[in-house]
Amino acid sequence: MSQERPHLWQGQWLTDSELEARLASLGEAAAQALAEGLPTARVLDACAPLGERLSGSRAERPAALGILQADHGLTPAEAAAQLEEIAAFLGRDGLEEKLRRELGSIDPLTPTRIGFRVDAFECYAPLGILAHVAPTNAATVGSLSVVEGLLAGNVNLLKT
């Protein structure tokens, strides 16, 4: 008999069989999530405090360092460096700069006039569902890819 491995789905741990049931209705769940939308500001508002909690000597830092060391086989120095990388990435200034540089605005999903003399507007729109396949030996890749997908309003699936 094989042992079922847990899967995280919207903050809830599921067994393989529970995950299969959820995947069967993925299209409906994605359509609902995309119809509701996820404002970019909401993602920024959620990421910034998390980045702050993971930096410095906050209470959450030792637990996160322990997870990076135990689950990814990192030395204490490597774990600290990766945690700082994650914390810096999640900072509001860094994410806003990323949005401006890559999508032209900190609110790329809101239509904006492309010129004052032209009655044309443009904006970005979510693609829908993004599937990320991330290596397990790089702790930052998967989670940071999902944050980037959320910034663009997409539904994200992450498989490590």
C-alpha atoms as a PDB file:
ATOM      1  CA  MET A   1       0.000   0.000   0.000  1.00  0.00           C
ATOM      2  CA  SER A   2       1.465   3.343  -1.019  1.00  0.00           C
ATOM      3  CA  GLN A   3       1.606   6.208   1.424  1.00  0.00           C
ATOM      4  CA  GLU A   4      -0.349   9.274   0.305  1.00  0.00           C
ATOM      5  CA  ARG A   5       1.592  12.513   0.235  1.00  0.00           C
ATOM      6  CA  PRO A   6      -0.065  15.771   1.245  1.00  0.00           C
ATOM      7  CA  HIS A   7      -0.753  18.551  -1.231  1.00  0.00           C
ATOM      8  CA  LEU A   8      -1.456  22.173  -0.320  1.00  0.00           C
ATOM      9  CA  TRP A   9      -4.581  23.574  -1.985  1.00  0.00           C
ATOM     10  CA  GLN A  10      -5.637  27.109  -1.076  1.00  0.00           C
ATOM     11  CA  GLY A  11      -4.199  26.773   2.426  1.00  0.00           C
ATOM     12  CA  GLN A  12      -5.600  23.292   3.090  1.00  0.00           C
ATOM     13  CA  TRP A  13      -3.592  20.041   3.095  1.00  0.00           C
ATOM     14  CA  LEU A  14      -5.125  17.324   0.911  1.00  0.00           C
ATOM     15  CA  THR A  15      -4.373  13.654   0.285  1.00  0.00           C
ATOM     16  CA  ASP A  16      -3.861  12.337  -3.252  1.00  0.00           C
ATOM     17  CA  SER A  17      -7.508  11.263  -3.532  1.00  0.00           C
ATOM     18  CA  GLU A  18      -8.784  14.600  -2.222  1.00  0.00           C
ATOM     19  CA  LEU A  19      -6.545  16.404  -4.683  1.00  0.00           C
ATOM     20  CA  GLU A  20      -7.926  14.349  -7.582  1.00  0.00           C
ATOM     21  CA  ALA A  21     -11.455  15.390  -6.607  1.00  0.00           C
ATOM     22  CA  ARG A  22     -10.444  19.057  -6.507  1.00  0.00           C
ATOM     23  CA  LEU A  23      -8.636  18.810  -9.845  1.00  0.00           C
ATOM     24  CA  ALA A  24     -11.800  17.439 -11.442  1.00  0.00           C
ATOM     25  CA  SER A  25     -13.480  20.789 -10.760  1.00  0.00           C
ATOM     26  CA  LEU A  26     -10.421  22.942 -11.473  1.00  0.00           C
ATOM     27  CA  GLY A  27     -11.961  24.587 -14.531  1.00  0.00           C
ATOM     28  CA  GLU A  28     -14.953  25.815 -12.550  1.00  0.00           C
ATOM     29  CA  ALA A  29     -12.784  26.986  -9.641  1.00  0.00           C
ATOM     30  CA  ALA A  30     -10.419  28.841 -11.987  1.00  0.00           C
ATOM     31  CA  ALA A  31     -13.281  30.498 -13.853  1.00  0.00           C
ATOM     32  CA  GLN A  32     -14.755  31.700 -10.560  1.00  0.00           C
ATOM     33  CA  ALA A  33     -11.400  33.011  -9.311  1.00  0.00           C
ATOM     34  CA  LEU A  34     -10.727  34.824 -12.581  1.00  0.00           C
ATOM     35  CA  ALA A  35     -14.243  36.316 -12.600  1.00  0.00           C
ATOM     36  CA  GLU A  36     -13.742  37.643  -9.050  1.00  0.00           C
ATOM     37  CA  GLY A  37     -10.332  39.014  -9.938  1.00  0.00           C
ATOM     38  CA  LEU A  38      -7.392  39.710  -7.701  1.00  0.00           C
ATOM     39  CA  PRO A  39      -6.343  43.352  -7.562  1.00  0.00           C
ATOM     40  CA  THR A  40      -2.584  43.836  -7.800  1.00  0.00           C
ATOM     41  CA  ALA A  41      -2.698  46.085  -4.728  1.00  0.00           C
ATOM     42  CA  ARG A  42      -4.094  43.198  -2.700  1.00  0.00           C
ATOM     43  CA  VAL A  43      -1.134  40.994  -3.656  1.00  0.00           C
ATOM     44  CA  LEU A  44       1.272  43.800  -2.759  1.00  0.00           C
ATOM     45  CA  ASP A  45      -0.524  44.320   0.554  1.00  0.00           C
ATOM     46  CA  ALA A  46      -0.169  40.621   1.385  1.00  0.00           C
ATOM     47  CA  CYS A  47       3.455  40.190   0.288  1.00  0.00           C
ATOM     48  CA  ALA A  48       4.973  43.230   2.014  1.00  0.00           C
ATOM     49  CA  PRO A  49       4.244  42.175   5.627  1.00  0.00           C
ATOM     50  CA  LEU A  50       5.342  38.623   4.859  1.00  0.00           C
ATOM     51  CA  GLY A  51       8.646  39.924   3.526  1.00  0.00           C
ATOM     52  CA  GLU A  52       9.069  42.020   6.673  1.00  0.00           C
ATOM     53  CA  ARG A  53       8.319  39.031   8.908  1.00  0.00           C
ATOM     54  CA  LEU A  54      10.932  36.921   7.126  1.00  0.00           C
ATOM     55  CA  SER A  55      13.698  39.517   7.346  1.00  0.00           C
ATOM     56  CA  GLY A  56      15.762  40.549  10.319  1.00  0.00           C
ATOM     57  CA  SER A  57      15.373  38.797  13.649  1.00  0.00           C
ATOM     58  CA  ARG A  58      11.599  38.438  13.772  1.00  0.00           C
ATOM     59  CA  ALA A  59      10.052  35.452  15.571  1.00  0.00           C
ATOM     60  CA  GLU A  60       9.057  33.772  12.279  1.00  0.00           C
ATOM     61  CA  ARG A  61      12.623  33.788  10.950  1.00  0.00           C
ATOM     62  CA  PRO A  62      14.025  30.834  12.982  1.00  0.00           C
ATOM     63  CA  ALA A  63      11.151  28.582  11.895  1.00  0.00           C
ATOM     64  CA  ALA A  64      11.628  29.508   8.241  1.00  0.00           C
ATOM     65  CA  LEU A  65      15.388  28.966   8.507  1.00  0.00           C
ATOM     66  CA  GLY A  66      14.778  25.540  10.051  1.00  0.00           C
ATOM     67  CA  ILE A  67      12.462  24.553   7.205  1.00  0.00           C
ATOM     68  CA  LEU A  68      14.985  25.650   4.573  1.00  0.00           C
ATOM     69  CA  GLN A  69      17.721  23.682   6.306  1.00  0.00           C
ATOM     70  CA  ALA A  70      15.709  20.530   6.979  1.00  0.00           C
ATOM     71  CA  ASP A  71      13.653  20.315   3.785  1.00  0.00           C
ATOM     72  CA  HIS A  72      16.299  21.565   1.376  1.00  0.00           C
ATOM     73  CA  GLY A  73      19.531  20.414   3.020  1.00  0.00           C
ATOM     74  CA  LEU A  74      20.947  23.926   3.205  1.00  0.00           C
ATOM     75  CA  THR A  75      23.665  25.071   5.552  1.00  0.00           C
ATOM     76  CA  PRO A  76      22.672  27.794   8.029  1.00  0.00           C
ATOM     77  CA  ALA A  77      24.447  30.408   5.875  1.00  0.00           C
ATOM     78  CA  GLU A  78      22.746  29.200   2.674  1.00  0.00           C
ATOM     79  CA  ALA A  79      19.347  29.148   4.384  1.00  0.00           C
ATOM     80  CA  ALA A  80      19.853  32.680   5.702  1.00  0.00           C
ATOM     81  CA  ALA A  81      20.871  33.921   2.247  1.00  0.00           C
ATOM     82  CA  GLN A  82      17.826  32.347   0.570  1.00  0.00           C
ATOM     83  CA  LEU A  83      15.510  33.699   3.243  1.00  0.00           C
ATOM     84  CA  GLU A  84      16.910  37.195   2.714  1.00  0.00           C
ATOM     85  CA  GLU A  85      16.372  36.760  -1.025  1.00  0.00           C
ATOM     86  CA  ILE A  86      12.742  35.800  -0.455  1.00  0.00           C
ATOM     87  CA  ALA A  87      12.198  38.653   2.022  1.00  0.00           C
ATOM     88  CA  ALA A  88      13.727  41.199  -0.355  1.00  0.00           C
ATOM     89  CA  PHE A  89      11.669  39.929  -3.289  1.00  0.00           C
ATOM     90  CA  LEU A  90       8.428  40.207  -1.295  1.00  0.00           C
ATOM     91  CA  GLY A  91       9.110  43.796  -0.221  1.00  0.00           C
ATOM     92  CA  ARG A  92       6.649  46.322  -1.597  1.00  0.00           C
ATOM     93  CA  ASP A  93       9.330  48.524  -3.181  1.00  0.00           C
ATOM     94  CA  GLY A  94      10.870  45.606  -5.047  1.00  0.00           C
ATOM     95  CA  LEU A  95       7.546  44.276  -6.302  1.00  0.00           C
ATOM     96  CA  GLU A  96       6.378  47.729  -7.404  1.00  0.00           C
ATOM     97  CA  GLU A  97       9.660  48.248  -9.261  1.00  0.00           C
ATOM     98  CA  LYS A  98       9.228  44.842 -10.920  1.00  0.00           C
ATOM     99  CA  LEU A  99       5.703  45.766 -12.032  1.00  0.00           C
ATOM    100  CA  ARG A 100       6.801  49.138 -13.431  1.00  0.00           C
ATOM    101  CA  ARG A 101       9.780  47.641 -15.244  1.00  0.00           C
ATOM    102  CA  GLU A 102       8.017  44.598 -16.686  1.00  0.00           C
ATOM    103  CA  LEU A 103       4.403  45.757 -17.082  1.00  0.00           C
ATOM    104  CA  GLY A 104       4.728  49.549 -17.154  1.00  0.00           C
ATOM    105  CA  SER A 105       2.641  50.347 -14.056  1.00  0.00           C
ATOM    106  CA  ILE A 106       2.036  49.227 -10.482  1.00  0.00           C
ATOM    107  CA  ASP A 107      -1.568  48.571 -11.531  1.00  0.00           C
ATOM    108  CA  PRO A 108      -1.177  46.917 -14.943  1.00  0.00           C
ATOM    109  CA  LEU A 109      -4.682  45.398 -14.915  1.00  0.00           C
ATOM    110  CA  THR A 110      -6.412  48.800 -14.951  1.00  0.00           C
ATOM    111  CA  PRO A 111      -6.990  50.255 -18.429  1.00  0.00           C
ATOM    112  CA  THR A 112      -5.055  53.467 -18.995  1.00  0.00           C
ATOM    113  CA  ARG A 113      -5.068  55.932 -21.860  1.00  0.00           C
ATOM    114  CA  ILE A 114      -2.007  55.426 -24.060  1.00  0.00           C
ATOM    115  CA  GLY A 115      -1.960  59.075 -25.172  1.00  0.00           C
ATOM    116  CA  PHE A 116      -3.919  62.230 -24.493  1.00  0.00           C
ATOM    117  CA  ARG A 117      -4.777  62.730 -28.166  1.00  0.00           C
ATOM    118  CA  VAL A 118      -5.922  59.162 -28.709  1.00  0.00           C
ATOM    119  CA  ASP A 119      -9.123  57.521 -27.495  1.00  0.00           C
ATOM    120  CA  ALA A 120      -7.347  54.206 -26.969  1.00  0.00           C
ATOM    121  CA  PHE A 121      -6.738  52.438 -23.690  1.00  0.00           C
ATOM    122  CA  GLU A 122      -4.596  49.447 -22.897  1.00  0.00           C
ATOM    123  CA  CYS A 123      -3.935  47.143 -19.994  1.00  0.00           C
ATOM    124  CA  TYR A 124      -2.765  43.662 -19.221  1.00  0.00           C
ATOM    125  CA  ALA A 125      -5.173  40.822 -18.585  1.00  0.00           C
ATOM    126  CA  PRO A 126      -4.621  37.533 -16.775  1.00  0.00           C
ATOM    127  CA  LEU A 127      -3.768  34.547 -18.961  1.00  0.00           C
ATOM    128  CA  GLY A 128      -5.880  32.245 -16.803  1.00  0.00           C
ATOM    129  CA  ILE A 129      -4.125  29.309 -15.177  1.00  0.00           C
ATOM    130  CA  LEU A 130      -0.350  29.231 -14.875  1.00  0.00           C
ATOM    131  CA  ALA A 131       1.276  25.899 -14.100  1.00  0.00           C
ATOM    132  CA  HIS A 132       4.686  26.141 -12.459  1.00  0.00           C
ATOM    133  CA  VAL A 133       6.943  23.094 -12.213  1.00  0.00           C
ATOM    134  CA  ALA A 134       9.705  24.015  -9.793  1.00  0.00           C
ATOM    135  CA  PRO A 135      12.735  22.069  -8.635  1.00  0.00           C
ATOM    136  CA  THR A 136      12.761  20.976  -5.008  1.00  0.00           C
ATOM    137  CA  ASN A 137      16.416  21.911  -4.631  1.00  0.00           C
ATOM    138  CA  ALA A 138      15.736  25.641  -5.094  1.00  0.00           C
ATOM    139  CA  ALA A 139      13.481  26.823  -2.297  1.00  0.00           C
ATOM    140  CA  THR A 140      12.791  30.257  -3.752  1.00  0.00           C
ATOM    141  CA  VAL A 141      11.847  29.390  -7.325  1.00  0.00           C
ATOM    142  CA  GLY A 142       8.349  27.978  -6.902  1.00  0.00           C
ATOM    143  CA  SER A 143       6.940  30.395  -4.371  1.00  0.00           C
ATOM    144  CA  LEU A 144       8.350  33.465  -6.095  1.00  0.00           C
ATOM    145  CA  SER A 145       7.002  32.284  -9.465  1.00  0.00           C
ATOM    146  CA  VAL A 146       3.548  32.027  -7.932  1.00  0.00           C
ATOM    147  CA  VAL A 147       3.826  35.583  -6.553  1.00  0.00           C
ATOM    148  CA  GLU A 148       4.700  36.836 -10.039  1.00  0.00           C
ATOM    149  CA  GLY A 149       1.683  35.005 -11.452  1.00  0.00           C
ATOM    150  CA  LEU A 150      -0.573  36.527  -8.790  1.00  0.00           C
ATOM    151  CA  LEU A 151       0.713  40.019  -9.584  1.00  0.00           C
ATOM    152  CA  ALA A 152      -0.650  39.522 -13.100  1.00  0.00           C
ATOM    153  CA  GLY A 153      -3.995  38.240 -11.766  1.00  0.00           C
ATOM    154  CA  ASN A 154      -3.553  34.592 -12.731  1.00  0.00           C
ATOM    155  CA  VAL A 155      -4.617  31.379 -11.029  1.00  0.00           C
ATOM    156  CA  ASN A 156      -1.449  29.442 -10.163  1.00  0.00           C
ATOM    157  CA  LEU A 157      -0.659  25.771  -9.787  1.00  0.00           C
ATOM    158  CA  LEU A 158       2.721  24.857  -8.347  1.00  0.00           C
ATOM    159  CA  LYS A 159       4.217  21.382  -8.578  1.00  0.00           C
ATOM    160  CA  THR A 160       7.564  20.757  -6.954  1.00  0.00           C
END
